[in-house]
Amino acid sequence: MTALPLIRTPAADDVSSPVADEPVALLQLDLTDPVEAASAVYRQVRRGRRVVAVACGGAEAPARLVEALDAIGVGAIRPAPGDALLGAGVAIVAGSNSTPELSPAAPGRPLRVALAGCGVVGGGVLPRLLADPRFEVVGVLVRGPAKARDVAIPSGLALSDPAALLAREPDVVVEAISDASTGLALIRAALSRGVHVVSANKQAIGGDLPGLTALADNAGARLLYSASVGGGAPLIETVRRAAAQGEIVRIEAVLNGTCNFILNRLAEGGAFDDALTAARDAGFAEADPSADLSGLDAAAKLAILAHEGLGRPLRIEAVSRQTLSADAVLPAGRVRQIARLDVASGRTGVAFEAVDGDALFAALPDEANALRVTLADDRTFTAAGRGAGRRPTAESVRADLEDLIELQ
């Protein structure tokens, strides 16, 4: 697939939409592999760019791209003839029936990747890495190497000892462990050796982000963690763009897909236990959902966003939290678990709030996450997308690895 040059369009009058002054990425895409084509679009979206995607490969190519983008939570439109292409978001137009000629890949040594965890996230990352010649998987850390999984680990790669994983001398560790303490220890060990880390572990990252950042800087390693907040929704990138434009005074967000899924089911009259079971079956809730339901997951993610937007630490323990349970008393109306940080008052919290009339939060489907960042001059930056699930989170991990390759 090929990307055409970027062009910049004039700023719009609506200051509530800062992306109107962002570049537009023009992509010519080969739809023989819709997953890879969607990845190319996703990387531009998370950089805050509007995208015009030319889908090549037959009459069904645009529809295949729409479907692949939806799987990772990226919305797209197919403008009718005569409609403007350069609106907000992603516009898809049909290209030639033949696929575009690709430039030969530049030769180079593949990036040696050690994958820690092969569950929901790791199991989504592994097949993509194995199929991409730019990466060489040198080991996969799992609790039980002999355990049957829905994603096969090639012979000789499964390990149960973190030290043995690092002994295989990876260039980067992809950390997708569900346990915070184990993940944090591995991240520290990797960074201290100068090994890059890509992490989806919000509890590990949120618990000591300033310390981990300092450790990475001192060792000459890179720490990337976009997948730790928002799954496939570019929430961290949105906060970074907002901070680059002015002083952030407020962050408010729906950060937990499990709670959002359950709250939607409760609003439909369902029972709490049935909703939780459905969330597990859909792959959004862990076997132990206590971090999600207690607000700890959202608090950890809020701590990461605070670090990105304000440049100062926020202790997870300092964030007040409400718990979602069968006995919880919820406000009337459409309810969301809202994580808030207000700079003026210094108040932070994760609470259940009625959001009727709030266009960003009220209509969020199931596992979706959303974010609103407000600047001192009242401009707002927003983002939304799939905040949980294998495909969206694995896509965010993959995008971090792509960024790492570019930084080499």
Protein backbone atom coordinates (compact mmCIF):
# COMPACT_ATOMS: atom_id res chain seq x y z
CA MET A 1 0.00 0.00 0.00
CA THR A 2 1.17 3.55 -0.62
CA ALA A 3 0.55 6.90 1.03
CA LEU A 4 0.32 10.04 -1.05
CA PRO A 5 1.72 13.37 0.23
CA LEU A 6 -0.07 15.20 3.00
CA ILE A 7 -1.89 18.43 2.32
CA ARG A 8 -3.05 21.06 4.78
CA THR A 9 -6.49 22.65 4.61
CA PRO A 10 -7.62 26.02 6.03
CA ALA A 11 -8.80 26.11 9.63
CA ALA A 12 -12.52 25.94 10.27
CA ASP A 13 -14.35 28.56 12.31
CA ASP A 14 -15.52 26.06 14.95
CA VAL A 15 -12.94 26.22 17.75
CA SER A 16 -14.50 23.17 19.40
CA SER A 17 -13.01 21.08 16.56
CA PRO A 18 -9.24 21.74 16.65
CA VAL A 19 -8.56 18.89 14.19
CA ALA A 20 -9.98 21.09 11.43
CA ASP A 21 -6.49 22.60 11.09
CA GLU A 22 -4.72 19.24 11.01
CA PRO A 23 -3.17 17.81 7.85
CA VAL A 24 -5.15 15.45 5.66
CA ALA A 25 -3.59 12.08 4.88
CA LEU A 26 -4.29 10.81 1.38
CA LEU A 27 -3.83 7.04 1.33
CA GLN A 28 -3.94 4.68 -1.63
CA LEU A 29 -4.69 1.27 -0.16
CA ASP A 30 -4.53 -2.31 -1.37
CA LEU A 31 -7.64 -4.07 -0.05
CA THR A 32 -6.41 -7.59 -0.69
CA ASP A 33 -5.52 -7.39 3.02
CA PRO A 34 -8.23 -5.29 4.73
CA VAL A 35 -6.63 -5.63 8.18
CA GLU A 36 -3.37 -4.05 7.03
CA ALA A 37 -5.24 -1.38 5.08
CA ALA A 38 -7.26 -0.49 8.19
CA SER A 39 -4.02 -0.29 10.19
CA ALA A 40 -2.65 2.32 7.79
CA VAL A 41 -5.77 4.43 8.27
CA TYR A 42 -5.76 3.96 12.05
CA ARG A 43 -2.20 5.24 12.41
CA GLN A 44 -3.16 8.48 10.68
CA VAL A 45 -6.34 8.87 12.74
CA ARG A 46 -4.50 8.54 16.02
CA ARG A 47 -2.13 11.27 14.87
CA GLY A 48 -5.11 13.60 14.63
CA ARG A 49 -5.25 13.64 10.86
CA ARG A 50 -8.29 13.51 8.67
CA VAL A 51 -8.01 10.76 6.09
CA VAL A 52 -9.09 10.31 2.50
CA ALA A 53 -8.59 6.62 1.72
CA VAL A 54 -8.62 5.40 -1.88
CA ALA A 55 -9.64 1.74 -1.66
CA CYS A 56 -8.27 -0.26 -4.58
CA GLY A 57 -9.00 -3.85 -5.54
CA GLY A 58 -12.49 -4.05 -6.93
CA ALA A 59 -16.01 -2.78 -6.41
CA GLU A 60 -16.25 -4.24 -2.90
CA ALA A 61 -12.96 -2.70 -1.71
CA PRO A 62 -14.55 0.34 0.01
CA ALA A 63 -17.03 -1.88 1.88
CA ARG A 64 -14.23 -4.19 3.02
CA LEU A 65 -12.29 -1.22 4.35
CA VAL A 66 -15.34 0.13 6.21
CA GLU A 67 -15.84 -3.26 7.85
CA ALA A 68 -12.18 -3.59 8.85
CA LEU A 69 -12.15 -0.08 10.31
CA ASP A 70 -15.34 -0.73 12.29
CA ALA A 71 -13.71 -3.78 13.90
CA ILE A 72 -11.11 -1.52 15.50
CA GLY A 73 -13.53 1.30 16.25
CA VAL A 74 -12.72 3.78 13.50
CA GLY A 75 -15.79 5.35 11.90
CA ALA A 76 -15.73 6.15 8.20
CA ILE A 77 -18.01 7.66 5.57
CA ARG A 78 -18.35 6.98 1.85
CA PRO A 79 -19.18 10.38 0.30
CA ALA A 80 -21.69 10.45 -2.53
CA PRO A 81 -20.56 11.88 -5.87
CA GLY A 82 -20.24 15.64 -5.51
CA ASP A 83 -19.96 15.58 -1.70
CA ALA A 84 -16.95 17.17 -0.01
CA LEU A 85 -14.15 14.75 0.87
CA LEU A 86 -12.33 16.83 3.45
CA GLY A 87 -14.74 16.69 6.34
CA ALA A 88 -13.83 15.45 9.79
CA GLY A 89 -12.80 11.84 10.21
CA VAL A 90 -12.23 9.26 7.48
CA ALA A 91 -13.64 9.40 3.94
CA ILE A 92 -13.39 6.35 1.71
CA VAL A 93 -13.57 6.48 -2.07
CA ALA A 94 -13.27 3.72 -4.62
CA GLY A 95 -9.99 3.38 -6.48
CA SER A 96 -8.93 1.28 -9.43
CA ASN A 97 -9.92 -2.37 -9.72
CA SER A 98 -6.26 -3.32 -9.78
CA THR A 99 -4.10 -3.05 -6.69
CA PRO A 100 -1.44 -0.32 -6.52
CA GLU A 101 2.16 -1.26 -7.17
CA LEU A 102 4.15 -1.27 -3.97
CA SER A 103 7.68 -0.03 -3.61
CA PRO A 104 10.04 -2.78 -2.44
CA ALA A 105 10.61 -2.72 1.31
CA ALA A 106 13.93 -1.35 2.44
CA PRO A 107 16.25 -4.13 3.63
CA GLY A 108 17.04 -4.23 7.30
CA ARG A 109 17.22 -6.43 10.35
CA PRO A 110 13.79 -7.33 11.74
CA LEU A 111 12.88 -5.95 15.15
CA ARG A 112 13.29 -8.69 17.76
CA VAL A 113 10.09 -8.80 19.83
CA ALA A 114 9.43 -10.56 23.13
CA LEU A 115 5.73 -10.87 23.87
CA ALA A 116 4.65 -11.05 27.51
CA GLY A 117 1.12 -12.44 27.78
CA CYS A 118 -0.95 -14.28 25.20
CA GLY A 119 -4.49 -13.60 26.41
CA VAL A 120 -7.01 -11.16 24.98
CA VAL A 121 -4.45 -8.57 23.88
CA GLY A 122 -1.34 -10.68 23.37
CA GLY A 123 -3.34 -13.25 21.45
CA GLY A 124 -4.38 -10.51 19.04
CA VAL A 125 -0.84 -9.16 18.63
CA LEU A 126 1.00 -12.47 18.10
CA PRO A 127 -0.47 -13.52 14.71
CA ARG A 128 0.17 -10.06 13.29
CA LEU A 129 3.80 -10.15 14.37
CA LEU A 130 4.37 -13.64 13.02
CA ALA A 131 3.00 -12.62 9.61
CA ASP A 132 5.10 -9.44 9.31
CA PRO A 133 8.73 -9.86 8.15
CA ARG A 134 9.70 -6.63 9.90
CA PHE A 135 9.33 -8.41 13.24
CA GLU A 136 10.95 -11.52 14.68
CA VAL A 137 9.19 -13.00 17.72
CA VAL A 138 11.91 -14.39 20.00
CA GLY A 139 9.72 -15.53 22.90
CA VAL A 140 6.23 -15.52 24.39
CA LEU A 141 5.84 -15.34 28.16
CA VAL A 142 2.87 -17.29 29.53
CA ARG A 143 1.94 -18.89 32.84
CA GLY A 144 1.47 -22.36 31.39
CA PRO A 145 3.45 -23.04 28.19
CA ALA A 146 1.62 -26.35 27.63
CA LYS A 147 -1.87 -24.83 28.00
CA ALA A 148 -4.15 -24.92 24.94
CA ARG A 149 -4.98 -21.45 23.61
CA ASP A 150 -7.15 -19.98 20.89
CA VAL A 151 -3.95 -18.60 19.32
CA ALA A 152 -1.17 -21.11 18.68
CA ILE A 153 2.31 -20.26 19.93
CA PRO A 154 4.99 -21.65 17.59
CA SER A 155 7.21 -24.36 18.99
CA GLY A 156 10.13 -23.14 21.06
CA LEU A 157 8.72 -19.68 21.79
CA ALA A 158 6.62 -20.30 24.92
CA LEU A 159 8.37 -19.45 28.20
CA SER A 160 7.23 -19.11 31.80
CA ASP A 161 10.28 -17.29 33.24
CA PRO A 162 10.60 -13.51 32.67
CA ALA A 163 14.39 -13.74 33.04
CA ALA A 164 14.52 -16.35 30.29
CA LEU A 165 12.45 -14.06 28.06
CA LEU A 166 14.87 -11.16 28.51
CA ALA A 167 17.82 -13.53 28.04
CA ARG A 168 16.72 -13.93 24.42
CA GLU A 169 17.91 -10.35 23.90
CA PRO A 170 14.83 -8.70 22.39
CA ASP A 171 14.89 -5.19 21.01
CA VAL A 172 11.44 -4.58 22.47
CA VAL A 173 9.16 -6.22 25.02
CA VAL A 174 5.44 -6.08 24.27
CA GLU A 175 3.92 -6.28 27.74
CA ALA A 176 0.30 -7.45 27.77
CA ILE A 177 0.09 -9.09 31.19
CA SER A 178 -3.12 -8.64 33.16
CA ASP A 179 -1.35 -8.61 36.56
CA ALA A 180 -0.05 -5.18 37.56
CA SER A 181 2.86 -6.19 39.78
CA THR A 182 4.23 -8.81 37.38
CA GLY A 183 3.91 -6.44 34.44
CA LEU A 184 5.56 -3.57 36.31
CA ALA A 185 8.51 -5.73 37.35
CA LEU A 186 9.04 -6.89 33.77
CA ILE A 187 8.78 -3.35 32.39
CA ARG A 188 11.39 -2.13 34.87
CA ALA A 189 13.71 -5.04 34.14
CA ALA A 190 13.46 -4.48 30.38
CA LEU A 191 13.95 -0.72 30.50
CA SER A 192 16.92 -1.01 32.87
CA ARG A 193 18.62 -3.16 30.21
CA GLY A 194 17.93 -0.58 27.51
CA VAL A 195 15.17 -2.70 25.96
CA HIS A 196 12.22 -0.77 24.54
CA VAL A 197 8.77 -1.50 25.99
CA VAL A 198 5.31 -1.32 24.45
CA SER A 199 2.68 -1.87 27.15
CA ALA A 200 -1.09 -2.28 27.35
CA ASN A 201 -1.01 -2.65 31.15
CA LYS A 202 -2.77 0.41 32.60
CA GLN A 203 -2.30 -0.62 36.23
CA ALA A 204 1.44 -1.06 35.79
CA ILE A 205 1.92 2.10 33.72
CA GLY A 206 -0.45 4.27 35.76
CA GLY A 207 1.11 3.19 39.06
CA ASP A 208 4.55 4.67 38.34
CA LEU A 209 4.59 6.48 35.00
CA PRO A 210 7.02 9.25 36.05
CA GLY A 211 9.45 6.66 37.43
CA LEU A 212 9.19 4.45 34.35
CA THR A 213 9.69 7.43 32.04
CA ALA A 214 12.81 8.46 33.94
CA LEU A 215 14.13 4.89 33.86
CA ALA A 216 13.61 4.70 30.10
CA ASP A 217 15.32 8.04 29.52
CA ASN A 218 18.32 7.09 31.64
CA ALA A 219 18.73 3.76 29.83
CA GLY A 220 18.23 5.17 26.33
CA ALA A 221 15.09 3.07 25.84
CA ARG A 222 11.61 4.03 24.68
CA LEU A 223 8.40 3.40 26.59
CA LEU A 224 5.18 3.41 24.54
CA TYR A 225 1.80 2.74 26.11
CA SER A 226 -1.03 4.06 23.95
CA ALA A 227 -2.94 0.78 24.33
CA SER A 228 -3.04 1.22 28.12
CA VAL A 229 -5.82 3.82 27.82
CA GLY A 230 -8.80 3.58 25.50
CA GLY A 231 -8.02 0.36 23.64
CA GLY A 232 -8.21 1.42 20.01
CA ALA A 233 -9.48 4.94 20.82
CA PRO A 234 -6.61 7.47 20.56
CA LEU A 235 -7.17 9.04 23.98
CA ILE A 236 -3.54 9.55 24.98
CA GLU A 237 -2.75 11.11 21.62
CA THR A 238 -5.73 13.45 21.96
CA VAL A 239 -4.56 14.66 25.37
CA ARG A 240 -1.08 15.24 23.98
CA ARG A 241 -2.44 17.32 21.12
CA ALA A 242 -4.59 19.34 23.50
CA ALA A 243 -1.64 20.02 25.82
CA ALA A 244 0.40 21.22 22.85
CA GLN A 245 -2.32 23.79 22.05
CA GLY A 246 -2.84 25.32 25.48
CA GLU A 247 -3.39 24.88 29.20
CA ILE A 248 -5.64 21.98 30.12
CA VAL A 249 -8.18 22.80 32.82
CA ARG A 250 -10.43 19.73 32.71
CA ILE A 251 -10.37 16.10 31.63
CA GLU A 252 -13.56 14.04 31.61
CA ALA A 253 -13.87 10.61 30.09
CA VAL A 254 -15.55 7.23 29.90
CA LEU A 255 -12.54 4.96 30.32
CA ASN A 256 -13.88 1.50 31.10
CA GLY A 257 -15.56 -0.59 28.43
CA THR A 258 -16.79 -3.24 30.88
CA CYS A 259 -18.76 -0.73 32.96
CA ASN A 260 -20.11 0.97 29.87
CA PHE A 261 -21.30 -2.37 28.50
CA ILE A 262 -23.03 -3.24 31.79
CA LEU A 263 -24.62 0.19 32.16
CA ASN A 264 -26.11 -0.08 28.68
CA ARG A 265 -27.60 -3.45 29.56
CA LEU A 266 -29.01 -2.10 32.84
CA ALA A 267 -30.59 0.80 30.94
CA GLU A 268 -32.37 -1.79 28.78
CA GLY A 269 -33.81 -3.42 31.91
CA GLY A 270 -31.33 -6.27 32.18
CA ALA A 271 -30.08 -7.77 35.44
CA PHE A 272 -26.59 -6.93 36.70
CA ASP A 273 -25.35 -10.54 36.85
CA ASP A 274 -26.59 -11.23 33.33
CA ALA A 275 -24.90 -8.08 32.04
CA LEU A 276 -21.60 -9.02 33.67
CA THR A 277 -21.76 -12.51 32.18
CA ALA A 278 -22.45 -11.04 28.75
CA ALA A 279 -19.47 -8.69 29.14
CA ARG A 280 -17.23 -11.68 29.92
CA ASP A 281 -18.60 -13.66 27.00
CA ALA A 282 -17.94 -10.73 24.67
CA GLY A 283 -14.31 -10.53 25.84
CA PHE A 284 -14.64 -7.14 27.53
CA ALA A 285 -14.54 -8.24 31.19
CA GLU A 286 -11.76 -10.22 32.88
CA ALA A 287 -12.47 -13.36 34.88
CA ASP A 288 -11.96 -11.10 37.92
CA PRO A 289 -13.70 -7.81 37.01
CA SER A 290 -13.11 -6.12 40.37
CA ALA A 291 -10.70 -3.49 38.98
CA ASP A 292 -13.30 -2.49 36.37
CA LEU A 293 -16.30 -2.42 38.69
CA SER A 294 -14.53 -0.64 41.56
CA GLY A 295 -13.28 2.17 39.34
CA LEU A 296 -9.63 1.21 39.87
CA ASP A 297 -9.14 0.60 36.15
CA ALA A 298 -10.52 4.03 35.24
CA ALA A 299 -8.49 5.70 38.00
CA ALA A 300 -5.26 4.19 36.64
CA LYS A 301 -6.10 5.44 33.17
CA LEU A 302 -6.95 8.90 34.53
CA ALA A 303 -3.52 8.97 36.19
CA ILE A 304 -1.90 8.29 32.82
CA LEU A 305 -3.92 11.04 31.13
CA ALA A 306 -3.02 13.46 33.94
CA HIS A 307 0.67 12.75 33.38
CA GLU A 308 0.28 13.34 29.65
CA GLY A 309 -1.82 16.48 29.92
CA LEU A 310 -0.48 18.18 33.01
CA GLY A 311 3.04 16.82 33.29
CA ARG A 312 2.57 15.89 36.92
CA PRO A 313 1.82 12.65 38.75
CA LEU A 314 -1.61 11.67 40.01
CA ARG A 315 -1.65 8.92 42.60
CA ILE A 316 -4.25 6.30 41.79
CA GLU A 317 -5.05 6.01 45.50
CA ALA A 318 -5.96 9.71 45.58
CA VAL A 319 -8.75 9.28 43.02
CA SER A 320 -12.17 8.87 44.69
CA ARG A 321 -14.13 5.92 43.27
CA GLN A 322 -17.63 4.50 43.20
CA THR A 323 -18.31 0.79 42.69
CA LEU A 324 -20.76 -0.72 40.22
CA SER A 325 -22.63 -3.67 41.69
CA ALA A 326 -26.04 -5.28 41.77
CA ASP A 327 -26.85 -3.12 44.81
CA ALA A 328 -25.48 0.17 43.51
CA VAL A 329 -27.92 3.09 43.48
CA LEU A 330 -27.51 4.85 40.13
CA PRO A 331 -28.81 8.24 38.99
CA ALA A 332 -31.90 8.37 36.81
CA GLY A 333 -31.46 8.62 33.06
CA ARG A 334 -28.58 7.53 30.86
CA VAL A 335 -25.69 6.76 33.19
CA ARG A 336 -21.95 6.53 32.55
CA GLN A 337 -18.91 5.87 34.68
CA ILE A 338 -17.17 9.23 34.32
CA ALA A 339 -13.53 9.83 35.25
CA ARG A 340 -12.93 13.51 35.99
CA LEU A 341 -9.97 15.73 36.74
CA ASP A 342 -10.61 19.41 37.44
CA VAL A 343 -7.45 21.50 37.68
CA ALA A 344 -9.01 24.55 39.37
CA SER A 345 -10.47 22.60 42.28
CA GLY A 346 -7.88 19.82 42.28
CA ARG A 347 -10.71 17.28 42.47
CA THR A 348 -10.40 13.90 40.80
CA GLY A 349 -12.86 11.04 40.82
CA VAL A 350 -14.55 8.13 39.11
CA ALA A 351 -18.30 8.28 39.61
CA PHE A 352 -21.59 7.31 38.00
CA GLU A 353 -23.30 10.30 36.44
CA ALA A 354 -26.37 10.96 34.33
CA VAL A 355 -25.27 12.22 30.93
CA ASP A 356 -28.57 12.80 29.14
CA GLY A 357 -28.08 15.49 26.54
CA ASP A 358 -24.31 15.04 26.38
CA ALA A 359 -23.77 14.09 22.74
CA LEU A 360 -20.31 12.67 23.36
CA PHE A 361 -21.12 10.36 26.26
CA ALA A 362 -24.84 9.54 26.15
CA ALA A 363 -24.95 7.36 23.06
CA LEU A 364 -21.72 5.41 23.58
CA PRO A 365 -22.23 1.80 22.49
CA ASP A 366 -21.17 -1.12 24.66
CA GLU A 367 -17.35 -1.23 25.00
CA ALA A 368 -16.79 2.31 23.68
CA ASN A 369 -14.64 4.90 25.44
CA ALA A 370 -14.74 8.67 24.97
CA LEU A 371 -12.77 11.70 26.11
CA ARG A 372 -13.27 15.45 26.36
CA VAL A 373 -10.37 17.75 27.19
CA THR A 374 -11.09 21.42 27.91
CA LEU A 375 -8.48 24.17 27.63
CA ALA A 376 -8.33 27.43 29.54
CA ASP A 377 -9.66 29.29 26.48
CA ASP A 378 -12.68 26.91 26.35
CA ARG A 379 -11.55 25.00 23.30
CA THR A 380 -12.29 21.29 23.56
CA PHE A 381 -10.63 18.23 22.11
CA THR A 382 -12.60 15.01 21.89
CA ALA A 383 -12.07 11.39 20.87
CA ALA A 384 -14.09 8.19 20.98
CA GLY A 385 -13.73 4.58 19.88
CA ARG A 386 -13.70 0.96 20.98
CA GLY A 387 -12.12 0.93 24.43
CA ALA A 388 -11.88 -2.82 24.96
CA GLY A 389 -11.57 -6.07 23.08
CA ARG A 390 -8.84 -7.94 21.24
CA ARG A 391 -8.82 -6.23 17.86
CA PRO A 392 -8.89 -2.57 18.95
CA THR A 393 -6.30 -2.96 21.73
CA ALA A 394 -4.01 -5.14 19.62
CA GLU A 395 -4.23 -2.51 16.87
CA SER A 396 -3.03 0.15 19.28
CA VAL A 397 -0.09 -2.05 20.33
CA ARG A 398 0.76 -2.66 16.69
CA ALA A 399 0.67 1.09 15.98
CA ASP A 400 3.14 1.68 18.84
CA LEU A 401 5.46 -0.91 17.29
CA GLU A 402 5.15 0.83 13.92
CA ASP A 403 6.07 4.12 15.59
CA LEU A 404 9.05 2.43 17.23
CA ILE A 405 10.29 1.21 13.85
CA GLU A 406 10.08 4.76 12.50
CA LEU A 407 12.03 6.09 15.49
CA GLN A 408 14.91 3.66 14.99
